């Protein structure tokens, strides 16, 4: 509950994105990453292709490095994301999104 309230109350923009506007969604993602001072370079071509390895650094930074408070809330909620293989990290992240935030996503190979 605490994790959900923290995320919901800290979001300044709606989390919904239309799936049809790929360019607009990537532009918005890059704008949000700039706002949270993401230190890495985004692989825009990989993002456009849906390459999971392009998303991993973004997901890792957002959940574990951007805010110590967010990382602590994730740990307190019982989700261990540190030290996982890429596949286990993504699985645990999606479980976190589903259980705590009510986000239902579909993973495909």
N, C-alpha and C. Protein backbone atom coordinates (compact mmCIF):
# COMPACT_ATOMS: atom_id res chain seq x y z
N UNK A 1 0.83 -1.20 0.00
CA UNK A 1 0.00 0.00 0.00
C UNK A 1 0.87 1.25 0.00
N UNK A 2 1.90 1.28 0.85
CA UNK A 2 2.77 2.45 0.95
C UNK A 2 3.46 2.70 -0.40
N UNK A 3 3.96 1.63 -1.04
CA UNK A 3 4.62 1.75 -2.34
C UNK A 3 3.67 2.32 -3.37
N UNK A 4 2.46 1.79 -3.43
CA UNK A 4 1.47 2.25 -4.40
C UNK A 4 1.15 3.72 -4.18
N UNK A 5 0.91 4.12 -2.93
CA UNK A 5 0.61 5.51 -2.62
C UNK A 5 1.75 6.43 -3.00
N UNK A 6 2.99 5.99 -2.74
CA UNK A 6 4.16 6.80 -3.08
C UNK A 6 4.21 7.06 -4.58
N UNK A 7 4.05 6.00 -5.37
CA UNK A 7 4.13 6.14 -6.82
C UNK A 7 2.98 6.99 -7.35
N UNK A 8 1.78 6.69 -6.92
CA UNK A 8 0.61 7.43 -7.41
C UNK A 8 0.72 8.91 -7.05
N UNK A 9 1.13 9.20 -5.84
CA UNK A 9 1.20 10.60 -5.40
C UNK A 9 2.38 11.34 -6.01
N UNK A 10 3.42 10.64 -6.44
CA UNK A 10 4.58 11.32 -6.98
C UNK A 10 4.53 11.50 -8.49
N UNK A 11 3.59 10.85 -9.15
CA UNK A 11 3.48 11.00 -10.60
C UNK A 11 2.86 12.35 -10.93
N UNK A 12 3.53 13.08 -11.80
CA UNK A 12 3.00 14.38 -12.20
C UNK A 12 2.25 14.31 -13.52
N UNK A 13 2.50 13.26 -14.30
CA UNK A 13 1.82 13.10 -15.58
C UNK A 13 1.16 11.73 -15.61
N UNK A 14 0.08 11.60 -16.35
CA UNK A 14 -0.58 10.30 -16.44
C UNK A 14 0.35 9.25 -17.00
N UNK A 15 0.20 8.02 -16.51
CA UNK A 15 1.08 6.93 -16.94
C UNK A 15 0.56 6.22 -18.18
N UNK A 16 -0.53 6.69 -18.75
CA UNK A 16 -1.08 6.02 -19.92
C UNK A 16 -0.43 6.54 -21.19
N UNK A 17 -0.18 5.62 -22.10
CA UNK A 17 0.39 5.97 -23.39
C UNK A 17 -0.35 5.18 -24.45
N UNK A 18 -0.68 5.83 -25.53
CA UNK A 18 -1.26 5.11 -26.65
C UNK A 18 -0.19 4.25 -27.29
N UNK A 19 -0.55 3.08 -27.73
CA UNK A 19 0.45 2.18 -28.33
C UNK A 19 0.71 2.49 -29.78
N UNK A 20 -0.12 3.28 -30.43
CA UNK A 20 0.04 3.53 -31.85
C UNK A 20 1.09 4.55 -32.20
N UNK A 21 1.41 5.46 -31.31
CA UNK A 21 2.35 6.54 -31.60
C UNK A 21 3.73 6.21 -31.04
N UNK A 22 4.44 5.34 -31.74
CA UNK A 22 5.75 4.88 -31.26
C UNK A 22 6.72 6.05 -31.12
N UNK A 23 6.80 6.89 -32.13
CA UNK A 23 7.72 8.03 -32.07
C UNK A 23 7.39 8.94 -30.89
N UNK A 24 6.11 9.24 -30.71
CA UNK A 24 5.69 10.10 -29.59
C UNK A 24 5.99 9.46 -28.24
N UNK A 25 5.80 8.16 -28.13
CA UNK A 25 6.08 7.47 -26.87
C UNK A 25 7.57 7.47 -26.55
N UNK A 26 8.41 7.26 -27.56
CA UNK A 26 9.85 7.27 -27.33
C UNK A 26 10.32 8.68 -26.98
N UNK A 27 9.76 9.67 -27.65
CA UNK A 27 10.10 11.07 -27.33
C UNK A 27 9.71 11.39 -25.89
N UNK A 28 8.54 10.95 -25.49
CA UNK A 28 8.10 11.20 -24.11
C UNK A 28 9.00 10.47 -23.11
N UNK A 29 9.35 9.22 -23.42
CA UNK A 29 10.25 8.46 -22.55
C UNK A 29 11.59 9.18 -22.40
N UNK A 30 12.14 9.65 -23.51
CA UNK A 30 13.42 10.36 -23.45
C UNK A 30 13.30 11.65 -22.63
N UNK A 31 12.18 12.34 -22.76
CA UNK A 31 11.94 13.56 -21.97
C UNK A 31 11.88 13.24 -20.49
N UNK A 32 11.18 12.15 -20.15
CA UNK A 32 11.08 11.75 -18.74
C UNK A 32 12.43 11.31 -18.19
N UNK A 33 13.22 10.60 -19.00
CA UNK A 33 14.55 10.17 -18.57
C UNK A 33 15.45 11.38 -18.33
N UNK A 34 15.33 12.38 -19.18
CA UNK A 34 16.11 13.61 -18.99
C UNK A 34 15.70 14.30 -17.69
N UNK A 35 14.41 14.29 -17.42
CA UNK A 35 13.89 14.93 -16.21
C UNK A 35 14.41 14.26 -14.94
N UNK A 36 14.60 12.93 -14.98
CA UNK A 36 15.12 12.24 -13.79
C UNK A 36 16.64 12.10 -13.84
N UNK A 37 17.25 12.81 -14.80
CA UNK A 37 18.71 12.87 -14.94
C UNK A 37 19.35 11.49 -15.17
N UNK A 38 18.75 10.76 -16.10
CA UNK A 38 19.31 9.45 -16.48
C UNK A 38 20.69 9.68 -17.08
N UNK A 39 21.73 9.05 -16.52
CA UNK A 39 23.09 9.34 -16.95
C UNK A 39 23.54 8.61 -18.22
N UNK A 40 22.81 7.61 -18.63
CA UNK A 40 23.22 6.80 -19.77
C UNK A 40 22.70 7.34 -21.09
N UNK A 41 23.02 6.61 -22.14
CA UNK A 41 22.55 6.93 -23.48
C UNK A 41 21.44 5.94 -23.81
N UNK A 42 20.35 6.43 -24.36
CA UNK A 42 19.27 5.53 -24.74
C UNK A 42 19.50 5.01 -26.15
N UNK A 43 19.23 3.74 -26.33
CA UNK A 43 19.35 3.10 -27.63
C UNK A 43 18.01 3.24 -28.33
N UNK A 44 17.84 4.38 -29.03
CA UNK A 44 16.56 4.67 -29.65
C UNK A 44 16.17 3.63 -30.70
N UNK A 45 17.14 3.15 -31.46
CA UNK A 45 16.84 2.12 -32.46
C UNK A 45 16.37 0.84 -31.78
N UNK A 46 17.03 0.46 -30.70
CA UNK A 46 16.61 -0.72 -29.95
C UNK A 46 15.24 -0.56 -29.32
N UNK A 47 14.96 0.64 -28.83
CA UNK A 47 13.64 0.91 -28.26
C UNK A 47 12.56 0.77 -29.33
N UNK A 48 12.83 1.30 -30.50
CA UNK A 48 11.86 1.22 -31.60
C UNK A 48 11.59 -0.23 -32.02
N UNK A 49 12.63 -1.06 -31.93
CA UNK A 49 12.48 -2.47 -32.30
C UNK A 49 11.92 -3.32 -31.17
N UNK A 50 11.84 -2.75 -29.97
CA UNK A 50 11.35 -3.50 -28.81
C UNK A 50 12.40 -4.42 -28.23
N UNK A 51 13.67 -4.13 -28.48
CA UNK A 51 14.77 -4.94 -27.97
C UNK A 51 14.85 -4.82 -26.44
N UNK A 52 14.65 -5.92 -25.72
CA UNK A 52 14.63 -5.87 -24.26
C UNK A 52 15.93 -5.34 -23.65
N UNK A 53 17.06 -5.59 -24.32
CA UNK A 53 18.33 -5.11 -23.77
C UNK A 53 18.43 -3.59 -23.79
N UNK A 54 17.62 -2.94 -24.63
CA UNK A 54 17.58 -1.48 -24.65
C UNK A 54 16.81 -0.93 -23.45
N UNK A 55 15.88 -1.70 -22.95
CA UNK A 55 15.05 -1.25 -21.83
C UNK A 55 15.66 -1.54 -20.46
N UNK A 56 16.50 -2.58 -20.39
CA UNK A 56 17.05 -3.00 -19.09
C UNK A 56 17.77 -1.89 -18.33
N UNK A 57 18.68 -1.14 -18.95
CA UNK A 57 19.36 -0.08 -18.20
C UNK A 57 18.38 0.99 -17.70
N UNK A 58 17.35 1.27 -18.49
CA UNK A 58 16.36 2.27 -18.11
C UNK A 58 15.56 1.80 -16.91
N UNK A 59 15.14 0.55 -16.96
CA UNK A 59 14.37 -0.04 -15.88
C UNK A 59 15.22 -0.14 -14.61
N UNK A 60 16.46 -0.57 -14.76
CA UNK A 60 17.36 -0.69 -13.62
C UNK A 60 17.58 0.66 -12.94
N UNK A 61 17.86 1.69 -13.74
CA UNK A 61 18.07 3.02 -13.17
C UNK A 61 16.82 3.53 -12.47
N UNK A 62 15.68 3.38 -13.13
CA UNK A 62 14.42 3.91 -12.59
C UNK A 62 14.03 3.26 -11.27
N UNK A 63 14.26 1.96 -11.15
CA UNK A 63 13.83 1.25 -9.95
C UNK A 63 14.88 1.20 -8.85
N UNK A 64 16.16 1.20 -9.21
CA UNK A 64 17.18 0.96 -8.19
C UNK A 64 18.14 2.13 -7.95
N UNK A 65 18.33 2.97 -8.92
CA UNK A 65 19.36 4.00 -8.77
C UNK A 65 18.84 5.43 -8.72
N UNK A 66 17.70 5.68 -9.31
CA UNK A 66 17.16 7.04 -9.37
C UNK A 66 16.90 7.60 -7.98
N UNK A 67 16.28 6.81 -7.14
CA UNK A 67 15.90 7.27 -5.81
C UNK A 67 16.14 6.18 -4.78
N UNK A 68 16.89 6.52 -3.77
CA UNK A 68 17.12 5.57 -2.68
C UNK A 68 15.80 5.24 -2.00
N UNK A 69 14.89 6.23 -1.93
CA UNK A 69 13.59 6.00 -1.28
C UNK A 69 12.77 4.98 -2.06
N UNK A 70 12.77 5.10 -3.37
CA UNK A 70 12.02 4.14 -4.20
C UNK A 70 12.61 2.74 -4.04
N UNK A 71 13.94 2.64 -4.09
CA UNK A 71 14.59 1.34 -3.93
C UNK A 71 14.27 0.74 -2.56
N UNK A 72 14.24 1.57 -1.53
CA UNK A 72 13.92 1.09 -0.18
C UNK A 72 12.47 0.63 -0.10
N UNK A 73 11.57 1.37 -0.72
CA UNK A 73 10.15 0.97 -0.73
C UNK A 73 9.97 -0.37 -1.44
N UNK A 74 10.71 -0.57 -2.52
CA UNK A 74 10.63 -1.84 -3.26
C UNK A 74 11.12 -2.98 -2.38
N UNK A 75 12.22 -2.77 -1.68
CA UNK A 75 12.77 -3.80 -0.80
C UNK A 75 11.82 -4.08 0.36
N UNK A 76 11.28 -3.02 0.97
CA UNK A 76 10.34 -3.19 2.09
C UNK A 76 9.08 -3.94 1.66
N UNK A 77 8.70 -3.78 0.39
CA UNK A 77 7.52 -4.47 -0.12
C UNK A 77 7.80 -5.94 -0.40
N UNK A 78 9.08 -6.35 -0.24
CA UNK A 78 9.42 -7.76 -0.40
C UNK A 78 9.93 -8.15 -1.78
N UNK A 79 10.29 -7.17 -2.59
CA UNK A 79 10.79 -7.46 -3.93
C UNK A 79 12.29 -7.26 -3.96
N UNK A 80 13.01 -8.31 -4.33
CA UNK A 80 14.46 -8.26 -4.41
C UNK A 80 14.85 -8.14 -5.88
N UNK A 81 15.40 -7.00 -6.26
CA UNK A 81 15.77 -6.78 -7.64
C UNK A 81 17.28 -6.74 -7.85
N UNK A 82 18.02 -6.50 -6.80
CA UNK A 82 19.49 -6.42 -6.88
C UNK A 82 20.08 -7.81 -7.13
N UNK A 83 21.13 -7.87 -7.92
CA UNK A 83 21.88 -9.10 -8.11
C UNK A 83 21.16 -10.18 -8.88
N UNK A 84 20.18 -9.83 -9.65
CA UNK A 84 19.43 -10.80 -10.46
C UNK A 84 20.00 -10.86 -11.87
N UNK A 85 19.80 -12.00 -12.52
CA UNK A 85 20.11 -12.06 -13.95
C UNK A 85 19.12 -11.14 -14.67
N UNK A 86 19.40 -10.81 -15.90
CA UNK A 86 18.51 -9.93 -16.65
C UNK A 86 17.08 -10.47 -16.68
N UNK A 87 16.96 -11.76 -16.96
CA UNK A 87 15.62 -12.36 -17.04
C UNK A 87 14.90 -12.30 -15.70
N UNK A 88 15.58 -12.66 -14.62
CA UNK A 88 14.96 -12.64 -13.29
C UNK A 88 14.63 -11.21 -12.85
N UNK A 89 15.47 -10.25 -13.24
CA UNK A 89 15.22 -8.85 -12.91
C UNK A 89 13.93 -8.38 -13.58
N UNK A 90 13.77 -8.70 -14.86
CA UNK A 90 12.57 -8.30 -15.59
C UNK A 90 11.34 -8.99 -14.99
N UNK A 91 11.45 -10.28 -14.68
CA UNK A 91 10.32 -11.00 -14.09
C UNK A 91 9.91 -10.38 -12.75
N UNK A 92 10.89 -10.08 -11.90
CA UNK A 92 10.59 -9.48 -10.59
C UNK A 92 10.02 -8.08 -10.75
N UNK A 93 10.52 -7.33 -11.73
CA UNK A 93 10.01 -5.97 -11.97
C UNK A 93 8.56 -6.01 -12.43
N UNK A 94 8.26 -6.92 -13.35
CA UNK A 94 6.89 -7.01 -13.85
C UNK A 94 5.95 -7.51 -12.75
N UNK A 95 6.44 -8.37 -11.88
CA UNK A 95 5.62 -8.81 -10.74
C UNK A 95 5.34 -7.62 -9.82
N UNK A 96 6.35 -6.79 -9.59
CA UNK A 96 6.17 -5.57 -8.81
C UNK A 96 5.13 -4.67 -9.45
N UNK A 97 5.24 -4.45 -10.76
CA UNK A 97 4.28 -3.60 -11.46
C UNK A 97 2.86 -4.15 -11.34
N UNK A 98 2.73 -5.46 -11.50
CA UNK A 98 1.41 -6.10 -11.45
C UNK A 98 0.82 -6.04 -10.05
N UNK A 99 1.61 -6.46 -9.04
CA UNK A 99 1.08 -6.58 -7.68
C UNK A 99 0.90 -5.24 -6.99
N UNK A 100 1.83 -4.33 -7.17
CA UNK A 100 1.79 -3.06 -6.42
C UNK A 100 1.12 -1.93 -7.17
N UNK A 101 1.24 -1.93 -8.49
CA UNK A 101 0.72 -0.81 -9.26
C UNK A 101 -0.48 -1.16 -10.12
N UNK A 102 -0.81 -2.44 -10.19
CA UNK A 102 -1.96 -2.86 -10.98
C UNK A 102 -1.72 -2.78 -12.48
N UNK A 103 -0.46 -2.76 -12.91
CA UNK A 103 -0.13 -2.70 -14.33
C UNK A 103 -0.12 -4.13 -14.87
N UNK A 104 -0.91 -4.37 -15.88
CA UNK A 104 -0.97 -5.69 -16.49
C UNK A 104 -0.26 -5.62 -17.84
N UNK A 105 0.85 -6.32 -17.95
CA UNK A 105 1.61 -6.31 -19.19
C UNK A 105 1.73 -7.73 -19.73
N UNK A 106 2.04 -7.82 -20.99
CA UNK A 106 2.22 -9.11 -21.64
C UNK A 106 3.67 -9.20 -22.08
N UNK A 107 4.35 -10.25 -21.66
CA UNK A 107 5.71 -10.49 -22.09
C UNK A 107 5.69 -11.50 -23.23
N UNK A 108 6.38 -11.18 -24.31
CA UNK A 108 6.49 -12.11 -25.42
C UNK A 108 7.95 -12.33 -25.74
N UNK A 109 8.24 -13.45 -26.33
CA UNK A 109 9.63 -13.76 -26.69
C UNK A 109 9.97 -13.19 -28.03
